[in-house]
């Protein structure tokens, strides 16, 4: 349960009884960096003078790096504190073939 947390709840202490604490949420915590590589390539083939075929591929998130979203920074919610709500989409590949005449 504790192994998948980004933030350590043990680093925060509850205030003494009948006193005010100084934080409820943590506004200045850095999220994970955004790293994304996309690649596109295409090749034209001439079949005849009037006919041409174009083949192409687009790869989104080439290195399959994930971006984590929704870091829970609410110290009052101990079950979800320091966890992420979701991740970005995995690698996506699309191919196309176009015939021109």
PDB file of N, CA and C in Angstrom:
ATOM      1  N   UNK A   1       0.825  -1.192   0.000  1.00  0.00           N
ATOM      2  CA  UNK A   1       0.000   0.000   0.000  1.00  0.00           C
ATOM      3  C   UNK A   1       0.870   1.257   0.000  1.00  0.00           C
ATOM      4  N   UNK A   2       1.956   1.289   0.741  1.00  0.00           N
ATOM      5  CA  UNK A   2       2.804   2.464   0.826  1.00  0.00           C
ATOM      6  C   UNK A   2       3.795   2.548  -0.311  1.00  0.00           C
ATOM      7  N   UNK A   3       4.039   1.432  -0.991  1.00  0.00           N
ATOM      8  CA  UNK A   3       5.064   1.409  -2.030  1.00  0.00           C
ATOM      9  C   UNK A   3       4.680   2.225  -3.262  1.00  0.00           C
ATOM     10  N   UNK A   4       3.397   2.415  -3.525  1.00  0.00           N
ATOM     11  CA  UNK A   4       2.982   3.117  -4.734  1.00  0.00           C
ATOM     12  C   UNK A   4       2.653   4.588  -4.492  1.00  0.00           C
ATOM     13  N   UNK A   5       3.126   5.154  -3.414  1.00  0.00           N
ATOM     14  CA  UNK A   5       2.864   6.565  -3.121  1.00  0.00           C
ATOM     15  C   UNK A   5       4.010   7.436  -3.604  1.00  0.00           C
ATOM     16  N   UNK A   6       3.670   8.589  -4.129  1.00  0.00           N
ATOM     17  CA  UNK A   6       4.637   9.560  -4.607  1.00  0.00           C
ATOM     18  C   UNK A   6       5.084  10.471  -3.459  1.00  0.00           C
ATOM     19  N   UNK A   7       4.180  10.729  -2.532  1.00  0.00           N
ATOM     20  CA  UNK A   7       4.476  11.554  -1.362  1.00  0.00           C
ATOM     21  C   UNK A   7       4.386  10.702  -0.103  1.00  0.00           C
ATOM     22  N   UNK A   8       5.191  11.028   0.907  1.00  0.00           N
ATOM     23  CA  UNK A   8       5.229  10.291   2.160  1.00  0.00           C
ATOM     24  C   UNK A   8       4.352  10.991   3.183  1.00  0.00           C
ATOM     25  N   UNK A   9       3.279  10.338   3.632  1.00  0.00           N
ATOM     26  CA  UNK A   9       2.382  10.927   4.620  1.00  0.00           C
ATOM     27  C   UNK A   9       3.090  11.085   5.967  1.00  0.00           C
ATOM     28  N   UNK A  10       4.094  10.242   6.249  1.00  0.00           N
ATOM     29  CA  UNK A  10       4.827  10.329   7.506  1.00  0.00           C
ATOM     30  C   UNK A  10       5.645  11.602   7.637  1.00  0.00           C
ATOM     31  N   UNK A  11       5.841  12.322   6.561  1.00  0.00           N
ATOM     32  CA  UNK A  11       6.594  13.577   6.614  1.00  0.00           C
ATOM     33  C   UNK A  11       5.750  14.729   7.154  1.00  0.00           C
ATOM     34  N   UNK A  12       4.469  14.489   7.381  1.00  0.00           N
ATOM     35  CA  UNK A  12       3.562  15.525   7.865  1.00  0.00           C
ATOM     36  C   UNK A  12       3.016  15.092   9.216  1.00  0.00           C
ATOM     37  N   UNK A  13       3.001  15.996  10.175  1.00  0.00           N
ATOM     38  CA  UNK A  13       2.522  15.694  11.523  1.00  0.00           C
ATOM     39  C   UNK A  13       1.194  16.390  11.774  1.00  0.00           C
ATOM     40  N   UNK A  14       0.351  15.741  12.560  1.00  0.00           N
ATOM     41  CA  UNK A  14      -0.920  16.348  12.953  1.00  0.00           C
ATOM     42  C   UNK A  14      -0.645  17.434  13.987  1.00  0.00           C
ATOM     43  N   UNK A  15      -1.362  18.562  13.936  1.00  0.00           N
ATOM     44  CA  UNK A  15      -1.138  19.619  14.928  1.00  0.00           C
ATOM     45  C   UNK A  15      -1.623  19.180  16.313  1.00  0.00           C
ATOM     46  N   UNK A  16      -1.128  19.845  17.326  1.00  0.00           N
ATOM     47  CA  UNK A  16      -1.544  19.549  18.705  1.00  0.00           C
ATOM     48  C   UNK A  16      -3.036  19.828  18.852  1.00  0.00           C
ATOM     49  N   UNK A  17      -3.699  19.156  19.788  1.00  0.00           N
ATOM     50  CA  UNK A  17      -5.140  19.382  19.980  1.00  0.00           C
ATOM     51  C   UNK A  17      -5.450  20.855  20.283  1.00  0.00           C
ATOM     52  N   UNK A  18      -6.538  21.327  19.746  1.00  0.00           N
ATOM     53  CA  UNK A  18      -7.061  22.683  19.935  1.00  0.00           C
ATOM     54  C   UNK A  18      -6.134  23.758  19.365  1.00  0.00           C
ATOM     55  N   UNK A  19      -5.321  23.400  18.374  1.00  0.00           N
ATOM     56  CA  UNK A  19      -4.484  24.377  17.676  1.00  0.00           C
ATOM     57  C   UNK A  19      -4.714  24.227  16.186  1.00  0.00           C
ATOM     58  N   UNK A  20      -4.354  25.258  15.469  1.00  0.00           N
ATOM     59  CA  UNK A  20      -4.498  25.234  14.024  1.00  0.00           C
ATOM     60  C   UNK A  20      -3.216  24.708  13.394  1.00  0.00           C
ATOM     61  N   UNK A  21      -3.368  23.897  12.402  1.00  0.00           N
ATOM     62  CA  UNK A  21      -2.213  23.472  11.605  1.00  0.00           C
ATOM     63  C   UNK A  21      -1.919  24.508  10.546  1.00  0.00           C
ATOM     64  N   UNK A  22      -0.874  24.319   9.794  1.00  0.00           N
ATOM     65  CA  UNK A  22      -0.518  25.326   8.802  1.00  0.00           C
ATOM     66  C   UNK A  22      -0.729  24.870   7.366  1.00  0.00           C
ATOM     67  N   UNK A  23      -1.202  23.633   7.149  1.00  0.00           N
ATOM     68  CA  UNK A  23      -1.411  23.191   5.778  1.00  0.00           C
ATOM     69  C   UNK A  23      -2.519  22.129   5.717  1.00  0.00           C
ATOM     70  N   UNK A  24      -3.339  22.213   4.703  1.00  0.00           N
ATOM     71  CA  UNK A  24      -4.344  21.190   4.444  1.00  0.00           C
ATOM     72  C   UNK A  24      -4.032  20.506   3.119  1.00  0.00           C
ATOM     73  N   UNK A  25      -3.678  21.323   2.135  1.00  0.00           N
ATOM     74  CA  UNK A  25      -3.184  20.790   0.863  1.00  0.00           C
ATOM     75  C   UNK A  25      -1.807  21.359   0.607  1.00  0.00           C
ATOM     76  N   UNK A  26      -1.065  20.712  -0.244  1.00  0.00           N
ATOM     77  CA  UNK A  26       0.311  21.120  -0.517  1.00  0.00           C
ATOM     78  C   UNK A  26       0.342  21.729  -1.916  1.00  0.00           C
ATOM     79  N   UNK A  27       0.375  23.063  -2.039  1.00  0.00           N
ATOM     80  CA  UNK A  27       0.239  23.676  -3.356  1.00  0.00           C
ATOM     81  C   UNK A  27       1.499  23.667  -4.215  1.00  0.00           C
ATOM     82  N   UNK A  28       2.669  23.499  -3.643  1.00  0.00           N
ATOM     83  CA  UNK A  28       3.897  23.656  -4.413  1.00  0.00           C
ATOM     84  C   UNK A  28       4.637  22.352  -4.671  1.00  0.00           C
ATOM     85  N   UNK A  29       3.946  21.239  -4.680  1.00  0.00           N
ATOM     86  CA  UNK A  29       4.588  19.962  -4.966  1.00  0.00           C
ATOM     87  C   UNK A  29       4.695  19.814  -6.479  1.00  0.00           C
ATOM     88  N   UNK A  30       5.875  19.445  -6.933  1.00  0.00           N
ATOM     89  CA  UNK A  30       6.084  19.269  -8.378  1.00  0.00           C
ATOM     90  C   UNK A  30       5.531  17.934  -8.835  1.00  0.00           C
ATOM     91  N   UNK A  31       4.828  17.968  -9.947  1.00  0.00           N
ATOM     92  CA  UNK A  31       4.360  16.738 -10.575  1.00  0.00           C
ATOM     93  C   UNK A  31       5.488  16.132 -11.395  1.00  0.00           C
ATOM     94  N   UNK A  32       5.213  14.984 -11.946  1.00  0.00           N
ATOM     95  CA  UNK A  32       6.197  14.322 -12.801  1.00  0.00           C
ATOM     96  C   UNK A  32       6.373  15.130 -14.092  1.00  0.00           C
ATOM     97  N   UNK A  33       7.551  15.083 -14.702  1.00  0.00           N
ATOM     98  CA  UNK A  33       7.759  15.833 -15.942  1.00  0.00           C
ATOM     99  C   UNK A  33       6.976  15.229 -17.104  1.00  0.00           C
ATOM    100  N   UNK A  34       6.745  16.036 -18.104  1.00  0.00           N
ATOM    101  CA  UNK A  34       6.052  15.598 -19.310  1.00  0.00           C
ATOM    102  C   UNK A  34       7.102  15.282 -20.363  1.00  0.00           C
ATOM    103  N   UNK A  35       7.235  13.998 -20.697  1.00  0.00           N
ATOM    104  CA  UNK A  35       8.175  13.554 -21.719  1.00  0.00           C
ATOM    105  C   UNK A  35       7.387  12.779 -22.770  1.00  0.00           C
ATOM    106  N   UNK A  36       7.436  13.259 -24.012  1.00  0.00           N
ATOM    107  CA  UNK A  36       6.642  12.627 -25.058  1.00  0.00           C
ATOM    108  C   UNK A  36       7.376  12.776 -26.383  1.00  0.00           C
ATOM    109  N   UNK A  37       7.539  11.674 -27.086  1.00  0.00           N
ATOM    110  CA  UNK A  37       8.181  11.691 -28.400  1.00  0.00           C
ATOM    111  C   UNK A  37       7.209  11.113 -29.422  1.00  0.00           C
ATOM    112  N   UNK A  38       7.025  11.819 -30.519  1.00  0.00           N
ATOM    113  CA  UNK A  38       6.172  11.366 -31.619  1.00  0.00           C
ATOM    114  C   UNK A  38       7.022  11.242 -32.873  1.00  0.00           C
ATOM    115  N   UNK A  39       6.658  10.298 -33.730  1.00  0.00           N
ATOM    116  CA  UNK A  39       7.412  10.059 -34.955  1.00  0.00           C
ATOM    117  C   UNK A  39       6.437   9.862 -36.100  1.00  0.00           C
ATOM    118  N   UNK A  40       6.754  10.463 -37.238  1.00  0.00           N
ATOM    119  CA  UNK A  40       5.940  10.306 -38.432  1.00  0.00           C
ATOM    120  C   UNK A  40       6.868  10.085 -39.619  1.00  0.00           C
ATOM    121  N   UNK A  41       6.513   9.127 -40.460  1.00  0.00           N
ATOM    122  CA  UNK A  41       7.309   8.848 -41.665  1.00  0.00           C
ATOM    123  C   UNK A  41       6.372   8.434 -42.786  1.00  0.00           C
ATOM    124  N   UNK A  42       6.737   8.821 -44.014  1.00  0.00           N
ATOM    125  CA  UNK A  42       5.936   8.391 -45.165  1.00  0.00           C
ATOM    126  C   UNK A  42       6.833   8.224 -46.375  1.00  0.00           C
ATOM    127  N   UNK A  43       6.378   7.395 -47.291  1.00  0.00           N
ATOM    128  CA  UNK A  43       7.136   7.085 -48.501  1.00  0.00           C
ATOM    129  C   UNK A  43       6.167   7.076 -49.676  1.00  0.00           C
ATOM    130  N   UNK A  44       6.584   7.727 -50.764  1.00  0.00           N
ATOM    131  CA  UNK A  44       5.793   7.750 -51.992  1.00  0.00           C
ATOM    132  C   UNK A  44       6.382   6.753 -52.986  1.00  0.00           C
ATOM    133  N   UNK A  45       5.510   5.975 -53.599  1.00  0.00           N
ATOM    134  CA  UNK A  45       5.899   5.019 -54.631  1.00  0.00           C
ATOM    135  C   UNK A  45       5.156   5.380 -55.916  1.00  0.00           C
ATOM    136  N   UNK A  46       5.876   5.475 -57.026  1.00  0.00           N
ATOM    137  CA  UNK A  46       5.251   5.761 -58.305  1.00  0.00           C
ATOM    138  C   UNK A  46       5.039   4.434 -59.028  1.00  0.00           C
ATOM    139  N   UNK A  47       3.779   4.107 -59.254  1.00  0.00           N
ATOM    140  CA  UNK A  47       3.418   2.867 -59.945  1.00  0.00           C
ATOM    141  C   UNK A  47       3.523   3.072 -61.457  1.00  0.00           C
ATOM    142  N   UNK A  48       2.966   4.154 -61.923  1.00  0.00           N
ATOM    143  CA  UNK A  48       3.067   4.545 -63.335  1.00  0.00           C
ATOM    144  C   UNK A  48       3.120   6.065 -63.361  1.00  0.00           C
ATOM    145  N   UNK A  49       3.060   6.622 -64.584  1.00  0.00           N
ATOM    146  CA  UNK A  49       3.149   8.076 -64.684  1.00  0.00           C
ATOM    147  C   UNK A  49       1.965   8.760 -64.015  1.00  0.00           C
ATOM    148  N   UNK A  50       0.809   8.115 -64.023  1.00  0.00           N
ATOM    149  CA  UNK A  50      -0.391   8.742 -63.481  1.00  0.00           C
ATOM    150  C   UNK A  50      -0.825   8.172 -62.129  1.00  0.00           C
ATOM    151  N   UNK A  51      -0.204   7.120 -61.664  1.00  0.00           N
ATOM    152  CA  UNK A  51      -0.635   6.464 -60.425  1.00  0.00           C
ATOM    153  C   UNK A  51       0.508   6.500 -59.404  1.00  0.00           C
ATOM    154  N   UNK A  52       0.150   6.923 -58.198  1.00  0.00           N
ATOM    155  CA  UNK A  52       1.131   6.988 -57.129  1.00  0.00           C
ATOM    156  C   UNK A  52       0.503   6.428 -55.849  1.00  0.00           C
ATOM    157  N   UNK A  53       1.302   5.722 -55.061  1.00  0.00           N
ATOM    158  CA  UNK A  53       0.854   5.184 -53.777  1.00  0.00           C
ATOM    159  C   UNK A  53       1.699   5.814 -52.680  1.00  0.00           C
ATOM    160  N   UNK A  54       1.029   6.223 -51.630  1.00  0.00           N
ATOM    161  CA  UNK A  54       1.732   6.803 -50.491  1.00  0.00           C
ATOM    162  C   UNK A  54       1.456   5.941 -49.262  1.00  0.00           C
ATOM    163  N   UNK A  55       2.528   5.512 -48.607  1.00  0.00           N
ATOM    164  CA  UNK A  55       2.415   4.729 -47.380  1.00  0.00           C
ATOM    165  C   UNK A  55       3.032   5.538 -46.252  1.00  0.00           C
ATOM    166  N   UNK A  56       2.374   5.555 -45.103  1.00  0.00           N
ATOM    167  CA  UNK A  56       2.891   6.337 -43.983  1.00  0.00           C
ATOM    168  C   UNK A  56       2.554   5.713 -42.646  1.00  0.00           C
ATOM    169  N   UNK A  57       3.289   6.124 -41.651  1.00  0.00           N
ATOM    170  CA  UNK A  57       3.069   5.655 -40.287  1.00  0.00           C
ATOM    171  C   UNK A  57       3.269   6.814 -39.319  1.00  0.00           C
ATOM    172  N   UNK A  58       2.418   6.867 -38.308  1.00  0.00           N
ATOM    173  CA  UNK A  58       2.544   7.829 -37.219  1.00  0.00           C
ATOM    174  C   UNK A  58       2.592   7.044 -35.922  1.00  0.00           C
ATOM    175  N   UNK A  59       3.582   7.345 -35.106  1.00  0.00           N
ATOM    176  CA  UNK A  59       3.714   6.699 -33.806  1.00  0.00           C
ATOM    177  C   UNK A  59       3.678   7.797 -32.750  1.00  0.00           C
ATOM    178  N   UNK A  60       2.682   7.717 -31.886  1.00  0.00           N
ATOM    179  CA  UNK A  60       2.525   8.685 -30.805  1.00  0.00           C
ATOM    180  C   UNK A  60       3.006   8.044 -29.509  1.00  0.00           C
ATOM    181  N   UNK A  61       3.763   8.773 -28.709  1.00  0.00           N
ATOM    182  CA  UNK A  61       4.371   8.273 -27.480  1.00  0.00           C
ATOM    183  C   UNK A  61       5.325   7.121 -27.817  1.00  0.00           C
ATOM    184  N   UNK A  62       6.284   7.408 -28.662  1.00  0.00           N
ATOM    185  CA  UNK A  62       7.202   6.418 -29.225  1.00  0.00           C
ATOM    186  C   UNK A  62       7.894   5.569 -28.164  1.00  0.00           C
ATOM    187  N   UNK A  63       8.397   6.165 -27.113  1.00  0.00           N
ATOM    188  CA  UNK A  63       9.127   5.429 -26.083  1.00  0.00           C
ATOM    189  C   UNK A  63       8.227   4.915 -24.962  1.00  0.00           C
ATOM    190  N   UNK A  64       6.925   5.049 -25.140  1.00  0.00           N
ATOM    191  CA  UNK A  64       5.919   4.550 -24.201  1.00  0.00           C
ATOM    192  C   UNK A  64       6.136   5.084 -22.789  1.00  0.00           C
ATOM    193  N   UNK A  65       6.406   6.371 -22.688  1.00  0.00           N
ATOM    194  CA  UNK A  65       6.544   7.025 -21.388  1.00  0.00           C
ATOM    195  C   UNK A  65       5.175   7.478 -20.922  1.00  0.00           C
ATOM    196  N   UNK A  66       4.918   7.312 -19.658  1.00  0.00           N
ATOM    197  CA  UNK A  66       3.610   7.685 -19.118  1.00  0.00           C
ATOM    198  C   UNK A  66       3.699   8.997 -18.363  1.00  0.00           C
ATOM    199  N   UNK A  67       2.655   9.764 -18.486  1.00  0.00           N
ATOM    200  CA  UNK A  67       2.503  10.994 -17.730  1.00  0.00           C
ATOM    201  C   UNK A  67       1.463  10.713 -16.655  1.00  0.00           C
ATOM    202  N   UNK A  68       1.778  11.043 -15.431  1.00  0.00           N
ATOM    203  CA  UNK A  68       0.879  10.784 -14.312  1.00  0.00           C
ATOM    204  C   UNK A  68       0.089  12.043 -14.001  1.00  0.00           C
ATOM    205  N   UNK A  69      -1.217  11.872 -13.779  1.00  0.00           N
ATOM    206  CA  UNK A  69      -2.118  12.997 -13.549  1.00  0.00           C
ATOM    207  C   UNK A  69      -2.850  12.838 -12.223  1.00  0.00           C
ATOM    208  N   UNK A  70      -3.258  13.952 -11.651  1.00  0.00           N
ATOM    209  CA  UNK A  70      -4.139  13.960 -10.480  1.00  0.00           C
ATOM    210  C   UNK A  70      -3.475  13.551  -9.186  1.00  0.00           C
ATOM    211  N   UNK A  71      -2.342  14.151  -8.861  1.00  0.00           N
ATOM    212  CA  UNK A  71      -1.669  13.845  -7.593  1.00  0.00           C
ATOM    213  C   UNK A  71      -2.533  14.323  -6.436  1.00  0.00           C
ATOM    214  N   UNK A  72      -2.918  13.407  -5.556  1.00  0.00           N
ATOM    215  CA  UNK A  72      -3.745  13.739  -4.404  1.00  0.00           C
ATOM    216  C   UNK A  72      -2.845  14.339  -3.325  1.00  0.00           C
ATOM    217  N   UNK A  73      -3.087  15.613  -2.995  1.00  0.00           N
ATOM    218  CA  UNK A  73      -2.260  16.331  -2.031  1.00  0.00           C
ATOM    219  C   UNK A  73      -3.030  16.674  -0.764  1.00  0.00           C
ATOM    220  N   UNK A  74      -4.176  16.059  -0.560  1.00  0.00           N
ATOM    221  CA  UNK A  74      -5.014  16.350   0.602  1.00  0.00           C
ATOM    222  C   UNK A  74      -4.548  15.504   1.785  1.00  0.00           C
ATOM    223  N   UNK A  75      -3.950  16.139   2.794  1.00  0.00           N
ATOM    224  CA  UNK A  75      -3.450  15.400   3.954  1.00  0.00           C
ATOM    225  C   UNK A  75      -4.576  14.856   4.821  1.00  0.00           C
ATOM    226  N   UNK A  76      -5.793  15.335   4.639  1.00  0.00           N
ATOM    227  CA  UNK A  76      -6.932  14.818   5.388  1.00  0.00           C
ATOM    228  C   UNK A  76      -7.419  13.475   4.878  1.00  0.00           C
ATOM    229  N   UNK A  77      -7.098  13.141   3.664  1.00  0.00           N
ATOM    230  CA  UNK A  77      -7.490  11.866   3.063  1.00  0.00           C
ATOM    231  C   UNK A  77      -6.285  10.935   3.077  1.00  0.00           C
ATOM    232  N   UNK A  78      -6.065  10.259   4.181  1.00  0.00           N
ATOM    233  CA  UNK A  78      -4.860   9.449   4.347  1.00  0.00           C
ATOM    234  C   UNK A  78      -4.825   8.238   3.422  1.00  0.00           C
ATOM    235  N   UNK A  79      -5.968   7.740   2.997  1.00  0.00           N
ATOM    236  CA  UNK A  79      -5.984   6.556   2.129  1.00  0.00           C
ATOM    237  C   UNK A  79      -5.465   6.873   0.734  1.00  0.00           C
ATOM    238  N   UNK A  80      -5.723   8.075   0.243  1.00  0.00           N
ATOM    239  CA  UNK A  80      -5.344   8.418  -1.128  1.00  0.00           C
ATOM    240  C   UNK A  80      -4.200   9.416  -1.209  1.00  0.00           C
ATOM    241  N   UNK A  81      -3.711   9.920  -0.102  1.00  0.00           N
ATOM    242  CA  UNK A  81      -2.660  10.942  -0.117  1.00  0.00           C
ATOM    243  C   UNK A  81      -1.399  10.416  -0.797  1.00  0.00           C
ATOM    244  N   UNK A  82      -0.857  11.211  -1.700  1.00  0.00           N
ATOM    245  CA  UNK A  82       0.391  10.856  -2.369  1.00  0.00           C
ATOM    246  C   UNK A  82       0.240   9.913  -3.531  1.00  0.00           C
ATOM    247  N   UNK A  83      -0.973   9.616  -3.947  1.00  0.00           N
ATOM    248  CA  UNK A  83      -1.194   8.718  -5.082  1.00  0.00           C
ATOM    249  C   UNK A  83      -1.701   9.512  -6.281  1.00  0.00           C
ATOM    250  N   UNK A  84      -1.550   8.927  -7.459  1.00  0.00           N
ATOM    251  CA  UNK A  84      -2.024   9.556  -8.692  1.00  0.00           C
ATOM    252  C   UNK A  84      -3.367   8.962  -9.092  1.00  0.00           C
ATOM    253  N   UNK A  85      -4.189   9.774  -9.736  1.00  0.00           N
ATOM    254  CA  UNK A  85      -5.522   9.332 -10.136  1.00  0.00           C
ATOM    255  C   UNK A  85      -5.507   8.584 -11.462  1.00  0.00           C
ATOM    256  N   UNK A  86      -4.613   8.967 -12.404  1.00  0.00           N
ATOM    257  CA  UNK A  86      -4.627   8.326 -13.723  1.00  0.00           C
ATOM    258  C   UNK A  86      -3.284   8.507 -14.415  1.00  0.00           C
ATOM    259  N   UNK A  87      -3.158   7.843 -15.543  1.00  0.00           N
ATOM    260  CA  UNK A  87      -1.947   7.939 -16.359  1.00  0.00           C
ATOM    261  C   UNK A  87      -2.349   8.220 -17.803  1.00  0.00           C
ATOM    262  N   UNK A  88      -1.382   8.663 -18.591  1.00  0.00           N
ATOM    263  CA  UNK A  88      -1.646   8.967 -20.000  1.00  0.00           C
ATOM    264  C   UNK A  88      -1.818   7.681 -20.808  1.00  0.00           C
ATOM    265  N   UNK A  89      -2.199   7.864 -22.043  1.00  0.00           N
ATOM    266  CA  UNK A  89      -2.421   6.728 -22.938  1.00  0.00           C
ATOM    267  C   UNK A  89      -1.099   6.056 -23.295  1.00  0.00           C
ATOM    268  N   UNK A  90      -1.152   4.761 -23.601  1.00  0.00           N
ATOM    269  CA  UNK A  90       0.068   4.071 -24.033  1.00  0.00           C
ATOM    270  C   UNK A  90       0.425   4.436 -25.468  1.00  0.00           C
ATOM    271  N   UNK A  91       1.472   3.825 -25.984  1.00  0.00           N
ATOM    272  CA  UNK A  91       1.927   4.069 -27.356  1.00  0.00           C
ATOM    273  C   UNK A  91       0.785   3.767 -28.339  1.00  0.00           C
ATOM    274  N   UNK A  92       0.651   4.632 -29.330  1.00  0.00           N
ATOM    275  CA  UNK A  92      -0.363   4.463 -30.370  1.00  0.00           C
ATOM    276  C   UNK A  92       0.327   4.528 -31.728  1.00  0.00           C
ATOM    277  N   UNK A  93       0.001   3.562 -32.589  1.00  0.00           N
ATOM    278  CA  UNK A  93       0.579   3.516 -33.935  1.00  0.00           C
ATOM    279  C   UNK A  93      -0.565   3.507 -34.938  1.00  0.00           C
ATOM    280  N   UNK A  94      -0.466   4.364 -35.939  1.00  0.00           N
ATOM    281  CA  UNK A  94      -1.459   4.326 -37.008  1.00  0.00           C
ATOM    282  C   UNK A  94      -0.739   4.344 -38.351  1.00  0.00           C
ATOM    283  N   UNK A  95      -1.269   3.563 -39.268  1.00  0.00           N
ATOM    284  CA  UNK A  95      -0.714   3.434 -40.610  1.00  0.00           C
ATOM    285  C   UNK A  95      -1.710   3.971 -41.615  1.00  0.00           C
ATOM    286  N   UNK A  96      -1.214   4.497 -42.729  1.00  0.00           N
ATOM    287  CA  UNK A  96      -2.131   4.921 -43.779  1.00  0.00           C
ATOM    288  C   UNK A  96      -1.537   4.543 -45.149  1.00  0.00           C
ATOM    289  N   UNK A  97      -2.454   4.332 -46.057  1.00  0.00           N
ATOM    290  CA  UNK A  97      -2.110   4.003 -47.436  1.00  0.00           C
ATOM    291  C   UNK A  97      -3.030   4.812 -48.335  1.00  0.00           C
ATOM    292  N   UNK A  98      -2.429   5.591 -49.241  1.00  0.00           N
ATOM    293  CA  UNK A  98      -3.225   6.460 -50.097  1.00  0.00           C
ATOM    294  C   UNK A  98      -2.864   6.170 -51.558  1.00  0.00           C
ATOM    295  N   UNK A  99      -3.874   6.004 -52.369  1.00  0.00           N
ATOM    296  CA  UNK A  99      -3.698   5.769 -53.803  1.00  0.00           C
ATOM    297  C   UNK A  99      -4.152   7.015 -54.555  1.00  0.00           C
ATOM    298  N   UNK A 100      -3.250   7.599 -55.336  1.00  0.00           N
ATOM    299  CA  UNK A 100      -3.568   8.795 -56.123  1.00  0.00           C
ATOM    300  C   UNK A 100      -3.486   8.442 -57.593  1.00  0.00           C
ATOM    301  N   UNK A 101      -4.525   8.839 -58.336  1.00  0.00           N
ATOM    302  CA  UNK A 101      -4.520   8.601 -59.798  1.00  0.00           C
ATOM    303  C   UNK A 101      -5.191   9.727 -60.507  1.00  0.00           C
TER     304      UNK A 101
END
